[in-house]
């Protein structure tokens, strides 16, 4: 499992259509990540509120500790290239 400090963490909640879509896209991209359900983890929910101006806006994603609220796949890829290139699979 990826370490929270140097990997990708996706904060999500059930039935969130934006979360469903992003999580599927991340699976298809085979990007290693940790997924945290904020309805089951009060500390995660508090973190999301901290970085989302007091709201529980999901998906919230961190890449090597850098938080993004409701990011696009493009933003996540750019953040991984910049902050966590070790997560990228070598090209064949």
C-alpha atoms as a PDB file:
ATOM      1  CA  UNK A   1       0.000   0.000   0.000  1.00  0.00           C
ATOM      2  CA  UNK A   2       1.191   3.509  -0.784  1.00  0.00           C
ATOM      3  CA  UNK A   3       2.341   5.662   2.114  1.00  0.00           C
ATOM      4  CA  UNK A   4       0.043   8.641   2.679  1.00  0.00           C
ATOM      5  CA  UNK A   5       2.991  11.052   2.707  1.00  0.00           C
ATOM      6  CA  UNK A   6       4.469  10.221  -0.662  1.00  0.00           C
ATOM      7  CA  UNK A   7       1.570   8.698  -2.563  1.00  0.00           C
ATOM      8  CA  UNK A   8      -1.877   9.463  -3.897  1.00  0.00           C
ATOM      9  CA  UNK A   9      -4.780   9.502  -1.443  1.00  0.00           C
ATOM     10  CA  UNK A  10      -8.379   9.804  -2.636  1.00  0.00           C
ATOM     11  CA  UNK A  11     -10.896  10.982  -0.047  1.00  0.00           C
ATOM     12  CA  UNK A  12     -14.408   9.952  -1.107  1.00  0.00           C
ATOM     13  CA  UNK A  13     -17.871   9.076   0.160  1.00  0.00           C
ATOM     14  CA  UNK A  14     -20.481   6.555  -1.018  1.00  0.00           C
ATOM     15  CA  UNK A  15     -22.973   7.565  -3.716  1.00  0.00           C
ATOM     16  CA  UNK A  16     -20.942  10.605  -4.777  1.00  0.00           C
ATOM     17  CA  UNK A  17     -21.087  10.540  -8.602  1.00  0.00           C
ATOM     18  CA  UNK A  18     -17.910  12.607  -8.920  1.00  0.00           C
ATOM     19  CA  UNK A  19     -16.087  10.159  -6.646  1.00  0.00           C
ATOM     20  CA  UNK A  20     -17.342   7.166  -8.601  1.00  0.00           C
ATOM     21  CA  UNK A  21     -16.131   8.651 -11.869  1.00  0.00           C
ATOM     22  CA  UNK A  22     -12.708   9.690 -10.557  1.00  0.00           C
ATOM     23  CA  UNK A  23     -12.084   6.405  -8.756  1.00  0.00           C
ATOM     24  CA  UNK A  24     -12.929   4.479 -11.931  1.00  0.00           C
ATOM     25  CA  UNK A  25     -10.597   6.646 -14.011  1.00  0.00           C
ATOM     26  CA  UNK A  26      -7.793   6.155 -11.481  1.00  0.00           C
ATOM     27  CA  UNK A  27      -8.331   2.375 -11.581  1.00  0.00           C
ATOM     28  CA  UNK A  28      -8.212   2.372 -15.367  1.00  0.00           C
ATOM     29  CA  UNK A  29      -5.009   4.448 -15.248  1.00  0.00           C
ATOM     30  CA  UNK A  30      -3.584   1.882 -12.781  1.00  0.00           C
ATOM     31  CA  UNK A  31      -2.279   4.665 -10.593  1.00  0.00           C
ATOM     32  CA  UNK A  32      -1.365   3.357  -7.129  1.00  0.00           C
ATOM     33  CA  UNK A  33      -3.457   5.064  -4.497  1.00  0.00           C
ATOM     34  CA  UNK A  34      -5.065   4.800  -1.100  1.00  0.00           C
ATOM     35  CA  UNK A  35      -8.819   5.399  -0.965  1.00  0.00           C
ATOM     36  CA  UNK A  36     -10.384   6.737   2.239  1.00  0.00           C
ATOM     37  CA  UNK A  37     -14.129   6.837   2.865  1.00  0.00           C
ATOM     38  CA  UNK A  38     -14.709  10.036   4.867  1.00  0.00           C
ATOM     39  CA  UNK A  39     -17.979   8.670   6.298  1.00  0.00           C
ATOM     40  CA  UNK A  40     -15.993   5.921   8.015  1.00  0.00           C
ATOM     41  CA  UNK A  41     -12.961   7.962   9.048  1.00  0.00           C
ATOM     42  CA  UNK A  42     -13.676  11.085  11.134  1.00  0.00           C
ATOM     43  CA  UNK A  43     -10.048  12.235  10.890  1.00  0.00           C
ATOM     44  CA  UNK A  44     -10.228  12.040   7.094  1.00  0.00           C
ATOM     45  CA  UNK A  45     -13.476  14.041   7.095  1.00  0.00           C
ATOM     46  CA  UNK A  46     -11.805  16.679   9.288  1.00  0.00           C
ATOM     47  CA  UNK A  47      -8.853  16.836   6.888  1.00  0.00           C
ATOM     48  CA  UNK A  48     -11.177  17.336   3.907  1.00  0.00           C
ATOM     49  CA  UNK A  49     -12.980  20.153   5.756  1.00  0.00           C
ATOM     50  CA  UNK A  50      -9.602  21.734   6.513  1.00  0.00           C
ATOM     51  CA  UNK A  51      -8.515  21.866   2.859  1.00  0.00           C
ATOM     52  CA  UNK A  52     -11.996  22.552   1.407  1.00  0.00           C
ATOM     53  CA  UNK A  53     -12.904  25.746   3.259  1.00  0.00           C
ATOM     54  CA  UNK A  54     -14.921  23.932   5.920  1.00  0.00           C
ATOM     55  CA  UNK A  55     -16.855  21.760   3.469  1.00  0.00           C
ATOM     56  CA  UNK A  56     -16.742  18.004   3.009  1.00  0.00           C
ATOM     57  CA  UNK A  57     -16.159  18.371  -0.727  1.00  0.00           C
ATOM     58  CA  UNK A  58     -15.181  15.117  -2.357  1.00  0.00           C
ATOM     59  CA  UNK A  59     -13.351  13.833  -4.143  1.00  0.00           C
ATOM     60  CA  UNK A  60     -10.415  15.473  -2.476  1.00  0.00           C
ATOM     61  CA  UNK A  61      -7.035  14.084  -3.513  1.00  0.00           C
ATOM     62  CA  UNK A  62      -3.558  14.482  -2.096  1.00  0.00           C
ATOM     63  CA  UNK A  63      -0.413  13.750  -4.068  1.00  0.00           C
ATOM     64  CA  UNK A  64       2.629  13.542  -1.812  1.00  0.00           C
ATOM     65  CA  UNK A  65       0.741  15.684   0.691  1.00  0.00           C
ATOM     66  CA  UNK A  66      -0.400  18.335  -1.811  1.00  0.00           C
ATOM     67  CA  UNK A  67      -4.192  18.648  -1.586  1.00  0.00           C
ATOM     68  CA  UNK A  68      -6.579  19.224  -4.491  1.00  0.00           C
ATOM     69  CA  UNK A  69     -10.341  19.574  -4.125  1.00  0.00           C
ATOM     70  CA  UNK A  70     -12.389  17.939  -6.894  1.00  0.00           C
ATOM     71  CA  UNK A  71      -9.416  17.650  -9.273  1.00  0.00           C
ATOM     72  CA  UNK A  72      -9.482  16.491 -12.866  1.00  0.00           C
ATOM     73  CA  UNK A  73      -7.435  13.505 -14.025  1.00  0.00           C
ATOM     74  CA  UNK A  74      -5.170  15.967 -15.827  1.00  0.00           C
ATOM     75  CA  UNK A  75      -4.494  17.824 -12.571  1.00  0.00           C
ATOM     76  CA  UNK A  76      -3.773  14.551 -10.778  1.00  0.00           C
ATOM     77  CA  UNK A  77      -1.397  13.368 -13.515  1.00  0.00           C
ATOM     78  CA  UNK A  78       0.443  16.712 -13.438  1.00  0.00           C
ATOM     79  CA  UNK A  79       0.717  16.547  -9.642  1.00  0.00           C
ATOM     80  CA  UNK A  80       2.052  12.980  -9.791  1.00  0.00           C
ATOM     81  CA  UNK A  81       4.651  13.982 -12.396  1.00  0.00           C
ATOM     82  CA  UNK A  82       5.693  16.924 -10.230  1.00  0.00           C
ATOM     83  CA  UNK A  83       5.485  15.502  -6.699  1.00  0.00           C
ATOM     84  CA  UNK A  84       5.495  11.696  -6.947  1.00  0.00           C
ATOM     85  CA  UNK A  85       7.093  10.502 -10.202  1.00  0.00           C
ATOM     86  CA  UNK A  86       8.128   7.265  -8.482  1.00  0.00           C
ATOM     87  CA  UNK A  87       4.466   6.172  -8.812  1.00  0.00           C
ATOM     88  CA  UNK A  88       4.567   6.219 -12.607  1.00  0.00           C
ATOM     89  CA  UNK A  89       5.160   2.955 -14.384  1.00  0.00           C
ATOM     90  CA  UNK A  90       8.075   2.977 -16.827  1.00  0.00           C
ATOM     91  CA  UNK A  91       7.085   3.112 -20.499  1.00  0.00           C
ATOM     92  CA  UNK A  92       7.573  -0.130 -22.415  1.00  0.00           C
END
